[in-house]
N, C-alpha and C. Protein backbone atom coordinates (compact mmCIF):
# COMPACT_ATOMS: atom_id res chain seq x y z
N MET A 1 -43.33 24.15 18.41
CA MET A 1 -43.11 23.35 17.09
C MET A 1 -42.19 24.06 16.22
N LYS A 2 -42.19 25.26 15.74
CA LYS A 2 -41.41 26.09 15.02
C LYS A 2 -40.09 26.10 15.83
N SER A 3 -39.92 26.22 17.01
CA SER A 3 -38.56 26.38 17.64
C SER A 3 -38.18 25.01 17.67
N THR A 4 -38.72 23.74 17.69
CA THR A 4 -38.26 22.37 17.60
C THR A 4 -37.97 22.30 16.06
N ILE A 5 -38.11 22.46 15.03
CA ILE A 5 -38.00 22.40 13.79
C ILE A 5 -36.38 23.28 13.54
N ALA A 6 -36.70 24.60 14.20
CA ALA A 6 -35.31 25.42 13.97
C ALA A 6 -34.22 24.75 14.74
N ALA A 7 -34.54 24.13 15.81
CA ALA A 7 -33.15 23.52 16.75
C ALA A 7 -33.05 22.59 15.73
N LEU A 8 -33.63 21.63 15.17
CA LEU A 8 -33.17 20.69 14.63
C LEU A 8 -32.35 21.12 12.88
N ILE A 9 -33.02 21.71 12.54
CA ILE A 9 -32.03 22.42 11.48
C ILE A 9 -30.92 22.87 11.73
N THR A 10 -30.60 23.87 12.94
CA THR A 10 -29.58 24.22 13.22
C THR A 10 -28.35 22.87 13.71
N LEU A 11 -29.24 22.01 14.30
CA LEU A 11 -28.17 20.86 14.73
C LEU A 11 -27.81 20.07 13.37
N LEU A 12 -28.44 19.76 12.52
CA LEU A 12 -28.11 19.20 11.34
C LEU A 12 -27.02 20.04 10.56
N ALA A 13 -27.29 21.16 10.47
CA ALA A 13 -26.21 22.29 9.78
C ALA A 13 -25.14 22.19 10.60
N LEU A 14 -24.70 22.07 11.98
CA LEU A 14 -23.79 21.76 12.80
C LEU A 14 -22.96 20.70 12.54
N LEU A 15 -23.80 19.63 12.37
CA LEU A 15 -22.95 18.14 12.07
C LEU A 15 -22.71 18.04 10.66
N SER A 16 -23.41 18.58 9.64
CA SER A 16 -22.75 18.66 8.44
C SER A 16 -21.50 19.65 8.33
N HIS A 17 -21.43 20.88 9.27
CA HIS A 17 -20.22 21.41 9.16
C HIS A 17 -19.11 20.67 9.41
N LEU A 18 -19.42 20.05 11.06
CA LEU A 18 -18.25 19.15 11.52
C LEU A 18 -17.93 18.12 10.88
N THR A 19 -18.64 17.66 10.04
CA THR A 19 -18.19 16.37 9.03
C THR A 19 -17.32 16.94 7.83
N THR A 20 -17.84 18.16 7.25
CA THR A 20 -17.11 18.45 6.43
C THR A 20 -15.73 19.18 6.75
N SER A 21 -15.37 19.36 8.06
CA SER A 21 -14.49 20.02 8.41
C SER A 21 -13.33 19.00 8.93
N HIS A 22 -14.18 17.80 9.32
CA HIS A 22 -13.29 16.70 9.71
C HIS A 22 -12.66 15.83 8.16
N ALA A 23 -13.54 15.82 7.33
CA ALA A 23 -12.95 15.42 6.07
C ALA A 23 -12.03 16.04 5.46
N THR A 24 -12.43 17.37 5.56
CA THR A 24 -11.17 18.27 4.89
C THR A 24 -10.11 18.13 5.63
N ALA A 25 -9.98 17.93 7.16
CA ALA A 25 -8.55 17.64 7.87
C ALA A 25 -7.89 16.36 7.56
N ILE A 26 -8.79 15.52 7.04
CA ILE A 26 -8.23 14.04 6.68
C ILE A 26 -7.60 14.40 5.34
N GLU A 27 -8.21 14.61 4.22
CA GLU A 27 -7.68 14.84 3.04
C GLU A 27 -6.44 15.80 3.10
N ARG A 28 -6.53 16.79 3.91
CA ARG A 28 -5.20 17.80 4.22
C ARG A 28 -3.76 16.73 4.34
N GLU A 29 -4.10 16.01 5.32
CA GLU A 29 -3.28 15.07 6.08
C GLU A 29 -2.77 13.86 4.89
N LEU A 30 -3.81 13.39 4.26
CA LEU A 30 -3.82 12.32 3.20
C LEU A 30 -2.77 13.06 2.12
N THR A 31 -3.02 14.14 1.72
CA THR A 31 -2.00 14.82 0.51
C THR A 31 -0.83 15.09 1.07
N ARG A 32 -0.54 15.34 2.38
CA ARG A 32 0.78 15.56 3.24
C ARG A 32 1.54 14.08 3.35
N VAL A 33 0.99 13.03 3.57
CA VAL A 33 1.35 11.93 3.70
C VAL A 33 1.79 11.21 2.22
N ALA A 34 0.89 11.42 1.44
CA ALA A 34 1.33 11.02 -0.01
C ALA A 34 2.47 11.48 -0.85
N GLU A 35 2.67 13.04 -0.21
CA GLU A 35 3.63 13.68 -0.89
C GLU A 35 5.24 13.06 -0.18
N GLU A 36 4.62 12.90 1.13
CA GLU A 36 6.14 12.28 2.15
C GLU A 36 6.43 11.10 1.43
N VAL A 37 5.32 10.03 1.02
CA VAL A 37 5.83 8.71 0.59
C VAL A 37 6.42 8.78 -0.74
N ALA A 38 5.73 9.82 -1.72
CA ALA A 38 6.43 9.91 -2.97
C ALA A 38 7.83 10.30 -2.91
N THR A 39 8.30 10.91 -2.00
CA THR A 39 9.66 11.45 -2.01
C THR A 39 10.69 10.36 -1.81
N LEU A 40 10.13 9.11 -1.47
CA LEU A 40 11.32 8.00 -1.07
C LEU A 40 11.44 7.14 -2.44
N LYS A 41 10.29 7.52 -3.57
CA LYS A 41 10.73 6.95 -4.90
C LYS A 41 10.52 5.63 -5.26
N LEU A 42 9.57 5.07 -4.37
CA LEU A 42 9.44 3.47 -4.13
C LEU A 42 8.26 3.27 -5.07
N GLY A 43 8.74 2.14 -5.87
CA GLY A 43 7.70 1.94 -6.87
C GLY A 43 8.08 0.59 -7.73
N PHE A 44 7.48 0.62 -8.97
CA PHE A 44 7.64 -0.57 -10.16
C PHE A 44 8.00 0.37 -11.31
N ASN A 45 8.78 0.12 -12.17
CA ASN A 45 8.77 1.01 -13.58
C ASN A 45 8.49 2.34 -13.03
N ASP A 46 7.67 3.02 -13.63
CA ASP A 46 7.56 4.14 -13.51
C ASP A 46 6.63 4.88 -12.69
N TYR A 47 5.84 3.88 -11.97
CA TYR A 47 4.53 3.97 -11.18
C TYR A 47 5.50 4.20 -9.71
N ILE A 48 5.13 5.36 -9.01
CA ILE A 48 5.45 5.52 -7.74
C ILE A 48 4.73 5.54 -6.60
N LEU A 49 4.64 5.01 -5.44
CA LEU A 49 3.79 5.01 -4.41
C LEU A 49 3.65 6.30 -3.87
N GLY A 50 2.31 6.88 -3.70
CA GLY A 50 2.34 8.41 -3.31
C GLY A 50 2.30 9.39 -4.66
N GLY A 51 2.60 8.89 -5.67
CA GLY A 51 2.77 10.04 -6.71
C GLY A 51 1.29 9.80 -7.20
N THR A 52 1.22 10.83 -8.40
CA THR A 52 0.09 10.76 -8.97
C THR A 52 0.23 10.18 -10.53
N LEU A 53 -0.50 9.39 -11.23
CA LEU A 53 -0.36 8.88 -12.43
C LEU A 53 -0.51 10.01 -13.59
N SER A 54 0.35 9.88 -14.39
CA SER A 54 0.50 10.78 -15.75
C SER A 54 -0.61 10.71 -16.31
N ALA A 55 -1.00 11.43 -17.49
CA ALA A 55 -2.24 11.12 -18.39
C ALA A 55 -2.10 9.97 -18.99
N ASP A 56 -0.91 9.47 -19.63
CA ASP A 56 -0.58 8.26 -20.46
C ASP A 56 -1.18 7.18 -19.40
N GLN A 57 -0.39 7.12 -18.16
CA GLN A 57 -0.64 6.09 -17.19
C GLN A 57 -2.22 6.14 -16.89
N LYS A 58 -2.56 7.09 -16.72
CA LYS A 58 -4.04 6.85 -16.53
C LYS A 58 -4.97 6.31 -17.47
N GLU A 59 -4.40 6.38 -18.52
CA GLU A 59 -5.27 6.10 -19.68
C GLU A 59 -4.94 4.44 -20.02
N THR A 60 -3.43 4.07 -19.64
CA THR A 60 -3.16 2.66 -19.72
C THR A 60 -4.14 2.10 -18.33
N GLY A 61 -4.34 2.99 -17.31
CA GLY A 61 -5.07 2.25 -16.13
C GLY A 61 -6.57 1.97 -16.59
N LEU A 62 -7.05 2.74 -17.12
CA LEU A 62 -8.68 2.81 -17.54
C LEU A 62 -8.79 1.84 -18.51
N ASN A 63 -7.91 1.51 -19.53
CA ASN A 63 -8.03 0.70 -20.27
C ASN A 63 -7.57 -0.84 -19.99
N HIS A 64 -6.83 -1.08 -19.27
CA HIS A 64 -6.87 -2.29 -18.78
C HIS A 64 -7.30 -2.65 -17.02
N ALA A 65 -8.29 -2.02 -16.73
CA ALA A 65 -8.96 -2.27 -15.40
C ALA A 65 -9.11 -3.31 -15.06
N VAL A 66 -8.57 -3.66 -13.70
CA VAL A 66 -9.12 -5.40 -13.24
C VAL A 66 -10.23 -4.97 -12.39
N GLU A 67 -11.18 -6.05 -12.14
CA GLU A 67 -12.25 -5.87 -11.39
C GLU A 67 -11.99 -6.09 -10.12
N LYS A 68 -13.14 -5.87 -9.00
CA LYS A 68 -13.03 -6.04 -7.60
C LYS A 68 -11.88 -4.92 -7.05
N SER A 69 -12.09 -3.84 -7.36
CA SER A 69 -11.26 -2.86 -6.96
C SER A 69 -11.92 -2.00 -5.75
N LEU A 70 -11.34 -1.72 -4.70
CA LEU A 70 -11.99 -1.17 -3.37
C LEU A 70 -12.61 0.05 -3.92
N ALA A 71 -13.83 0.18 -3.06
CA ALA A 71 -14.55 1.71 -3.28
C ALA A 71 -13.66 2.71 -3.31
N GLY A 72 -13.78 3.71 -4.27
CA GLY A 72 -12.96 4.90 -4.12
C GLY A 72 -11.62 4.71 -4.97
N THR A 73 -11.18 3.68 -5.72
CA THR A 73 -9.90 3.14 -6.03
C THR A 73 -10.42 2.37 -7.63
N TYR A 74 -9.69 2.64 -8.61
CA TYR A 74 -9.69 1.61 -9.59
C TYR A 74 -8.04 0.83 -9.72
N LYS A 75 -8.11 -0.23 -10.05
CA LYS A 75 -6.86 -1.04 -10.06
C LYS A 75 -6.74 -1.62 -11.53
N PHE A 76 -5.44 -1.71 -12.14
CA PHE A 76 -5.52 -2.00 -13.33
C PHE A 76 -4.03 -2.89 -13.29
N LYS A 77 -3.68 -3.34 -14.55
CA LYS A 77 -2.37 -4.15 -14.71
C LYS A 77 -1.65 -3.87 -15.90
N GLU A 78 -0.33 -3.29 -15.70
CA GLU A 78 0.30 -3.25 -16.71
C GLU A 78 1.65 -4.16 -16.60
N GLY A 79 1.92 -4.77 -17.90
CA GLY A 79 2.83 -6.14 -17.47
C GLY A 79 2.72 -6.89 -16.48
N ASP A 80 3.57 -7.04 -15.50
CA ASP A 80 3.54 -7.98 -14.25
C ASP A 80 3.10 -6.99 -13.29
N VAL A 81 2.60 -5.98 -13.09
CA VAL A 81 2.62 -4.92 -12.21
C VAL A 81 1.16 -4.52 -11.91
N PHE A 82 0.67 -4.92 -10.78
CA PHE A 82 -0.87 -4.33 -10.50
C PHE A 82 -0.85 -2.89 -9.56
N VAL A 83 -1.35 -2.12 -10.04
CA VAL A 83 -1.53 -0.76 -9.46
C VAL A 83 -2.84 -0.44 -9.10
N ILE A 84 -3.00 0.13 -7.94
CA ILE A 84 -4.12 0.60 -7.20
C ILE A 84 -4.18 1.95 -7.12
N ALA A 85 -5.09 2.97 -7.47
CA ALA A 85 -4.91 4.28 -7.61
C ALA A 85 -6.34 4.86 -7.21
N SER A 86 -6.28 6.38 -6.74
CA SER A 86 -7.28 6.89 -6.14
C SER A 86 -8.18 7.30 -7.26
N LEU A 87 -9.81 7.24 -7.33
CA LEU A 87 -10.64 7.33 -8.46
C LEU A 87 -10.66 9.19 -8.63
N GLU A 88 -10.41 9.86 -7.44
CA GLU A 88 -10.80 11.21 -7.10
C GLU A 88 -9.64 11.92 -7.88
N ASN A 89 -8.24 11.55 -7.55
CA ASN A 89 -7.27 12.35 -7.97
C ASN A 89 -5.89 11.41 -8.42
N ASP A 90 -6.22 10.29 -8.55
CA ASP A 90 -5.09 9.36 -9.47
C ASP A 90 -3.78 9.03 -8.57
N THR A 91 -3.99 9.15 -7.19
CA THR A 91 -2.77 9.08 -6.26
C THR A 91 -2.62 7.57 -6.46
N VAL A 92 -1.17 7.16 -6.42
CA VAL A 92 -0.99 5.79 -6.32
C VAL A 92 -1.05 5.37 -4.99
N LEU A 93 -1.93 4.14 -4.63
CA LEU A 93 -2.33 3.72 -3.20
C LEU A 93 -1.59 2.64 -2.94
N GLY A 94 -1.06 1.84 -3.96
CA GLY A 94 -0.56 0.90 -3.70
C GLY A 94 -0.14 0.14 -4.89
N MET A 95 0.54 -1.04 -4.80
CA MET A 95 0.87 -2.04 -6.16
C MET A 95 1.80 -3.34 -5.63
N TYR A 96 1.74 -4.32 -6.63
CA TYR A 96 2.02 -5.40 -6.41
C TYR A 96 2.43 -6.04 -7.43
N LYS A 97 3.28 -7.29 -7.01
CA LYS A 97 3.32 -8.27 -8.45
C LYS A 97 3.16 -9.75 -7.94
N GLU A 98 2.47 -10.50 -8.70
CA GLU A 98 2.40 -12.00 -8.48
C GLU A 98 3.36 -12.99 -9.09
N PHE A 99 3.85 -13.73 -8.23
CA PHE A 99 4.82 -14.86 -8.84
C PHE A 99 3.98 -15.97 -8.79
N ASP A 100 3.50 -16.70 -9.89
CA ASP A 100 2.89 -17.99 -9.79
C ASP A 100 3.71 -19.33 -10.55
N ASP A 101 3.71 -20.40 -9.90
CA ASP A 101 4.42 -21.39 -10.57
C ASP A 101 5.87 -21.55 -10.58
N VAL A 102 6.54 -20.84 -9.45
CA VAL A 102 7.82 -20.64 -9.47
C VAL A 102 8.50 -21.83 -8.87
N ASP A 103 9.67 -22.44 -9.17
CA ASP A 103 10.45 -23.39 -8.25
C ASP A 103 11.17 -23.16 -7.29
N PRO A 104 12.02 -23.78 -6.38
CA PRO A 104 12.88 -23.16 -5.49
C PRO A 104 13.91 -22.34 -6.03
N ASP A 105 14.31 -22.82 -7.16
CA ASP A 105 15.70 -21.75 -7.83
C ASP A 105 15.36 -20.60 -8.31
N GLN A 106 13.84 -20.46 -8.96
CA GLN A 106 13.50 -19.22 -9.33
C GLN A 106 13.26 -18.43 -8.23
N LEU A 107 12.78 -19.00 -7.40
CA LEU A 107 12.21 -18.19 -5.84
C LEU A 107 13.45 -17.74 -5.24
N LYS A 108 14.69 -18.23 -5.20
CA LYS A 108 15.94 -18.05 -4.74
C LYS A 108 16.32 -16.85 -5.98
N SER A 109 16.36 -16.83 -6.86
CA SER A 109 16.69 -15.72 -8.01
C SER A 109 15.77 -14.50 -7.82
N ILE A 110 14.42 -14.72 -7.37
CA ILE A 110 13.84 -13.64 -7.15
C ILE A 110 14.42 -12.98 -5.77
N ILE A 111 14.62 -13.68 -4.85
CA ILE A 111 14.82 -12.88 -3.43
C ILE A 111 16.28 -12.33 -3.63
N GLY A 112 17.21 -12.90 -4.53
CA GLY A 112 18.59 -12.26 -4.74
C GLY A 112 18.38 -11.12 -5.26
N SER A 113 17.71 -10.80 -6.50
CA SER A 113 17.06 -9.76 -7.23
C SER A 113 16.80 -8.57 -6.25
N LEU A 114 15.86 -9.19 -5.24
CA LEU A 114 15.20 -7.78 -4.59
C LEU A 114 16.29 -7.64 -3.44
N MET A 115 16.83 -8.50 -3.05
CA MET A 115 18.41 -7.89 -2.02
C MET A 115 19.19 -7.10 -2.84
N PHE A 116 19.45 -7.44 -3.98
CA PHE A 116 20.37 -6.30 -4.66
C PHE A 116 19.88 -5.34 -4.91
N GLU A 117 18.40 -5.26 -5.18
CA GLU A 117 17.80 -3.49 -5.35
C GLU A 117 17.72 -2.86 -4.18
N TYR A 118 17.19 -3.81 -3.19
CA TYR A 118 16.92 -2.89 -1.81
C TYR A 118 17.47 -3.07 -0.63
N GLY A 119 18.66 -3.73 -1.02
CA GLY A 119 19.62 -4.18 0.14
C GLY A 119 19.19 -5.24 1.23
N ASP A 120 19.74 -5.27 2.20
CA ASP A 120 19.35 -6.01 3.74
C ASP A 120 18.18 -5.74 3.46
N PRO A 121 17.46 -6.63 4.41
CA PRO A 121 15.81 -6.43 4.60
C PRO A 121 15.68 -5.99 6.06
N THR A 122 14.70 -5.28 6.46
CA THR A 122 14.39 -4.77 8.11
C THR A 122 14.27 -6.01 8.62
N VAL A 123 13.47 -6.83 8.08
CA VAL A 123 12.78 -8.04 8.85
C VAL A 123 12.63 -9.08 8.23
N THR A 124 12.89 -10.26 8.51
CA THR A 124 12.36 -11.56 8.04
C THR A 124 11.62 -12.37 9.10
N ALA A 125 10.85 -13.23 8.62
CA ALA A 125 9.78 -13.97 9.45
C ALA A 125 9.38 -15.19 8.71
N HIS A 126 9.83 -16.48 9.51
CA HIS A 126 9.16 -17.84 9.16
C HIS A 126 9.50 -18.29 7.98
N ASP A 127 10.52 -17.70 7.81
CA ASP A 127 11.52 -18.09 6.32
C ASP A 127 10.13 -17.84 5.03
N LYS A 128 9.39 -17.11 5.28
CA LYS A 128 8.30 -17.14 4.21
C LYS A 128 8.11 -15.60 3.91
N LEU A 129 8.50 -14.52 4.90
CA LEU A 129 8.32 -13.20 4.39
C LEU A 129 9.36 -12.35 4.68
N ILE A 130 9.85 -11.47 4.09
CA ILE A 130 10.71 -10.69 3.84
C ILE A 130 10.14 -9.17 3.83
N TYR A 131 10.71 -8.10 4.94
CA TYR A 131 10.34 -6.73 4.61
C TYR A 131 11.36 -5.82 4.67
N TRP A 132 10.93 -4.81 3.60
CA TRP A 132 12.12 -3.76 3.91
C TRP A 132 11.04 -2.31 4.02
N ALA A 133 11.31 -2.01 5.17
CA ALA A 133 10.42 -0.88 6.01
C ALA A 133 11.22 0.52 5.47
N TYR A 134 10.55 1.66 5.71
CA TYR A 134 11.15 2.60 5.62
C TYR A 134 10.61 3.97 6.12
N ASN A 135 10.93 5.12 6.58
CA ASN A 135 10.47 6.27 7.25
C ASN A 135 10.81 6.99 6.49
N LYS A 136 10.41 8.44 6.82
CA LYS A 136 10.67 9.47 5.57
C LYS A 136 12.22 9.61 5.42
N GLY A 137 13.12 9.22 6.45
CA GLY A 137 14.62 9.47 6.08
C GLY A 137 15.28 8.25 5.05
N GLY A 138 14.58 7.07 4.89
CA GLY A 138 14.69 6.12 3.98
C GLY A 138 14.67 4.70 4.93
N LYS A 139 15.31 3.92 4.37
CA LYS A 139 15.27 2.40 4.72
C LYS A 139 15.64 2.19 6.30
N ILE A 140 14.78 1.35 6.84
CA ILE A 140 14.97 1.30 8.31
C ILE A 140 16.03 -0.05 8.63
N ALA A 141 17.05 0.16 9.16
CA ALA A 141 18.06 -0.91 9.47
C ALA A 141 17.36 -1.95 10.52
N GLN A 142 17.76 -3.09 10.33
CA GLN A 142 17.04 -3.95 11.65
C GLN A 142 17.27 -3.66 12.80
N ASP A 143 18.82 -3.19 13.14
CA ASP A 143 18.81 -2.89 14.46
C ASP A 143 18.12 -1.58 14.85
N ALA A 144 18.16 -0.71 14.14
CA ALA A 144 17.38 0.33 14.36
C ALA A 144 15.76 0.14 14.78
N TYR A 145 15.36 -0.78 13.67
CA TYR A 145 13.88 -1.30 14.02
C TYR A 145 13.55 -1.79 15.01
N ASP A 146 14.50 -2.71 15.51
CA ASP A 146 14.19 -3.49 16.64
C ASP A 146 14.33 -2.63 17.98
N PHE A 147 15.21 -1.29 18.14
CA PHE A 147 15.33 -0.56 18.75
C PHE A 147 14.14 0.22 19.27
N GLU A 148 13.50 0.92 17.96
CA GLU A 148 12.47 0.98 18.31
C GLU A 148 11.39 0.42 18.68
N ARG A 149 11.02 -0.45 18.16
CA ARG A 149 10.10 -1.53 18.67
C ARG A 149 10.27 -1.88 20.01
N SER A 150 11.34 -1.99 20.79
CA SER A 150 11.47 -2.05 22.00
C SER A 150 11.08 -0.90 22.77
N ALA A 151 11.23 0.24 21.96
CA ALA A 151 11.24 1.54 23.00
C ALA A 151 9.46 2.03 22.78
N GLY A 152 8.92 1.29 21.89
CA GLY A 152 7.33 1.53 22.10
C GLY A 152 6.73 1.56 20.42
N GLY A 153 7.45 1.42 19.52
CA GLY A 153 7.00 1.45 18.21
C GLY A 153 7.98 1.98 17.16
N SER A 154 7.57 1.62 15.90
CA SER A 154 8.50 2.47 15.11
C SER A 154 7.51 3.20 13.75
N LYS A 155 8.04 4.26 13.70
CA LYS A 155 7.30 4.96 12.53
C LYS A 155 7.66 4.54 11.31
N ILE A 156 6.79 3.50 10.90
CA ILE A 156 7.20 3.23 9.48
C ILE A 156 6.01 3.85 8.55
N LEU A 157 6.69 4.04 7.53
CA LEU A 157 6.12 5.02 6.40
C LEU A 157 5.60 4.17 5.32
N VAL A 158 6.45 3.38 4.90
CA VAL A 158 6.32 2.42 3.63
C VAL A 158 6.87 1.22 3.75
N THR A 159 6.24 0.05 3.53
CA THR A 159 6.64 -1.22 3.57
C THR A 159 7.02 -2.03 2.16
N ILE A 160 7.97 -2.64 2.09
CA ILE A 160 8.07 -3.47 0.61
C ILE A 160 7.86 -4.76 1.37
N LYS A 161 7.03 -5.84 0.90
CA LYS A 161 6.69 -6.92 1.55
C LYS A 161 6.95 -7.99 0.23
N PHE A 162 7.86 -9.10 0.59
CA PHE A 162 7.83 -10.23 -0.20
C PHE A 162 7.22 -11.63 0.48
N SER A 163 6.43 -12.33 0.20
CA SER A 163 5.93 -13.33 0.95
C SER A 163 5.87 -14.56 -0.25
N SER A 164 5.97 -15.66 0.58
CA SER A 164 6.12 -16.88 -0.22
C SER A 164 5.16 -17.78 0.55
N LYS A 165 4.30 -18.71 -0.44
CA LYS A 165 3.68 -19.42 0.08
C LYS A 165 4.41 -20.65 1.01
N ASP A 166 5.26 -21.04 0.80
CA ASP A 166 6.25 -21.78 1.17
C ASP A 166 7.44 -21.52 1.56
N ARG A 167 8.45 -22.18 2.72
CA ARG A 167 9.39 -21.64 2.84
C ARG A 167 10.40 -21.40 2.19
N PHE A 168 11.55 -20.61 2.11
CA PHE A 168 12.32 -20.24 1.17
C PHE A 168 13.47 -21.29 1.32
N GLY A 169 13.77 -21.88 -0.25
CA GLY A 169 14.90 -22.81 -0.31
C GLY A 169 14.30 -24.09 -0.11
N GLN A 170 12.83 -24.42 0.40
CA GLN A 170 12.60 -25.52 0.32
C GLN A 170 11.25 -26.05 -0.49
N PRO A 171 10.83 -27.33 -0.64
CA PRO A 171 9.70 -27.73 -1.50
C PRO A 171 8.57 -27.54 -1.02
N PRO A 172 7.60 -27.45 -1.85
CA PRO A 172 6.44 -26.82 -1.14
C PRO A 172 5.95 -27.91 -0.37
N GLU A 173 4.97 -27.43 0.73
CA GLU A 173 4.77 -28.18 2.01
C GLU A 173 3.55 -29.17 1.54
N LYS A 174 3.03 -29.03 0.37
CA LYS A 174 1.71 -30.29 -0.19
C LYS A 174 2.46 -30.87 -1.20
N GLU A 175 2.47 -32.03 -1.18
CA GLU A 175 3.04 -32.74 -2.36
C GLU A 175 2.39 -32.65 -3.52
N SER A 176 1.15 -32.33 -3.64
CA SER A 176 0.16 -32.11 -4.46
C SER A 176 0.76 -30.85 -5.63
N ASP A 177 1.32 -30.17 -4.76
CA ASP A 177 1.91 -28.99 -5.81
C ASP A 177 3.22 -29.05 -6.67
N GLY A 178 3.61 -30.26 -6.53
CA GLY A 178 4.83 -30.52 -6.94
C GLY A 178 6.17 -29.68 -6.39
N GLN A 179 7.23 -29.18 -7.27
CA GLN A 179 7.82 -28.47 -6.93
C GLN A 179 7.89 -26.95 -7.21
N LYS A 180 6.63 -26.53 -7.25
CA LYS A 180 6.02 -25.03 -7.52
C LYS A 180 5.41 -24.63 -6.27
N THR A 181 5.76 -23.06 -6.13
CA THR A 181 4.97 -22.45 -5.42
C THR A 181 4.55 -21.22 -5.80
N SER A 182 4.08 -20.28 -5.02
CA SER A 182 3.91 -18.90 -5.50
C SER A 182 4.09 -17.86 -4.55
N ALA A 183 4.31 -16.48 -4.90
CA ALA A 183 4.56 -15.39 -3.78
C ALA A 183 4.26 -14.42 -4.54
N TYR A 184 4.01 -13.31 -3.93
CA TYR A 184 4.11 -11.77 -4.13
C TYR A 184 5.03 -10.82 -3.58
N LEU A 185 4.96 -9.67 -4.10
CA LEU A 185 5.46 -8.57 -3.64
C LEU A 185 4.71 -7.28 -3.71
N MET A 186 4.53 -6.52 -2.68
CA MET A 186 3.93 -5.76 -2.36
C MET A 186 4.67 -4.39 -1.81
N ILE A 187 4.30 -3.12 -2.37
CA ILE A 187 4.60 -2.05 -2.04
C ILE A 187 3.35 -1.11 -1.52
N SER A 188 3.59 -0.90 -0.20
CA SER A 188 2.21 -0.17 0.42
C SER A 188 2.84 0.74 1.64
N SER A 189 1.46 1.60 1.91
CA SER A 189 1.98 2.39 3.02
C SER A 189 0.52 2.25 3.99
N ASP A 190 0.89 2.07 5.24
CA ASP A 190 -0.49 1.60 6.08
C ASP A 190 -1.06 3.29 6.37
N ARG A 191 -0.01 3.89 6.59
CA ARG A 191 -0.54 5.33 6.55
C ARG A 191 -1.40 5.96 5.85
N LEU A 192 -0.97 5.87 4.74
CA LEU A 192 -1.61 6.36 3.50
C LEU A 192 -2.91 5.63 3.33
N SER A 193 -3.24 4.58 3.27
CA SER A 193 -3.93 3.58 3.25
C SER A 193 -5.01 3.77 4.25
N GLN A 194 -4.84 4.17 5.51
CA GLN A 194 -5.58 4.37 6.59
C GLN A 194 -6.47 5.73 6.23
N LEU A 195 -5.34 6.65 5.93
CA LEU A 195 -6.07 8.18 5.64
C LEU A 195 -7.30 7.94 4.53
N PHE A 196 -6.48 7.18 3.20
CA PHE A 196 -7.78 7.18 2.39
C PHE A 196 -8.93 6.52 2.95
N LEU A 197 -8.95 5.41 3.71
CA LEU A 197 -10.14 4.79 3.86
C LEU A 197 -11.00 5.39 5.00
N ALA A 198 -10.08 6.44 5.68
CA ALA A 198 -10.99 7.24 6.68
C ALA A 198 -11.64 8.41 5.83
N LEU A 199 -11.05 8.98 4.99
CA LEU A 199 -11.71 9.93 3.94
C LEU A 199 -12.95 9.63 3.14
N ASN A 200 -12.58 8.17 2.68
CA ASN A 200 -13.83 7.75 1.90
C ASN A 200 -15.10 7.25 3.08
N LYS A 201 -14.73 6.69 3.97
CA LYS A 201 -15.48 6.63 5.38
C LYS A 201 -16.41 7.60 5.50
N ASP A 202 -15.94 8.91 5.47
CA ASP A 202 -16.37 10.32 5.88
C ASP A 202 -17.47 10.64 4.96
N THR A 203 -16.82 10.66 3.68
CA THR A 203 -17.30 11.22 2.32
C THR A 203 -18.81 10.32 2.01
N ASP A 204 -18.80 9.06 2.46
CA ASP A 204 -19.86 8.24 2.27
C ASP A 204 -21.09 8.55 2.82
N LYS A 205 -20.95 9.53 3.96
CA LYS A 205 -21.92 9.48 4.96
C LYS A 205 -22.73 10.32 4.57
C-alpha cells in the first residue's frame, strides 16, 4: 500500500513538472513572438500590437474596461479603438475599430485612407474583405503571398483585416438597412493569439 502511494506521489510530481516545463516553454515562445510582432510597430494611435501598455495606458484601460473579455485578458476602449491586453503582463494581444452606419461614400473614404496608410493590400476577397499581411520582414506583397501559398503556406505574423457587411461600392443587400452598412478594422496575430490561448489553457489545469 505504501509503495502504491509513493508511486502515485512520484507520478503526480512528474506530471506537475512536465506541465510546468511545457507552460514555461510556451511562455518563452509567447514572449519571443510578441517581441517580433512589436518590431513591426503596427497599431492604432500609441497602441502597438505585441507591445506592452505603458502605466498611463493601463490606467486608461482599467478605467474604461469593456465587459465580456476573454479569460486572462482585459478589453477597453479609448476613443474609437478597442484594445485587448493580457492581464498578467499587459501585452497588447489585439485591437480593432468598428464603423457603424456608414454610407457607400464613407466606406469608400475609409478604404482610401487605409490604402494610403498601408499601401496595396495583400489579399482582397468577395468585395467585402481586405487583408494586409505581414511577416517579420514587413508587408507581404500579393504575388509573394500567392507564391508562398502555392508552395505550401505563407508565414504570416500579423494581419490587418478590414471587413464590410456589404460589398464595397454597393448599397446594402437588405433594403431595410437603407443606404447604411457597417464594417470593422482589426489588427491581430494568429500566432500570438494561439500561444496566449495555449498558455492559459495550461495554467488553468
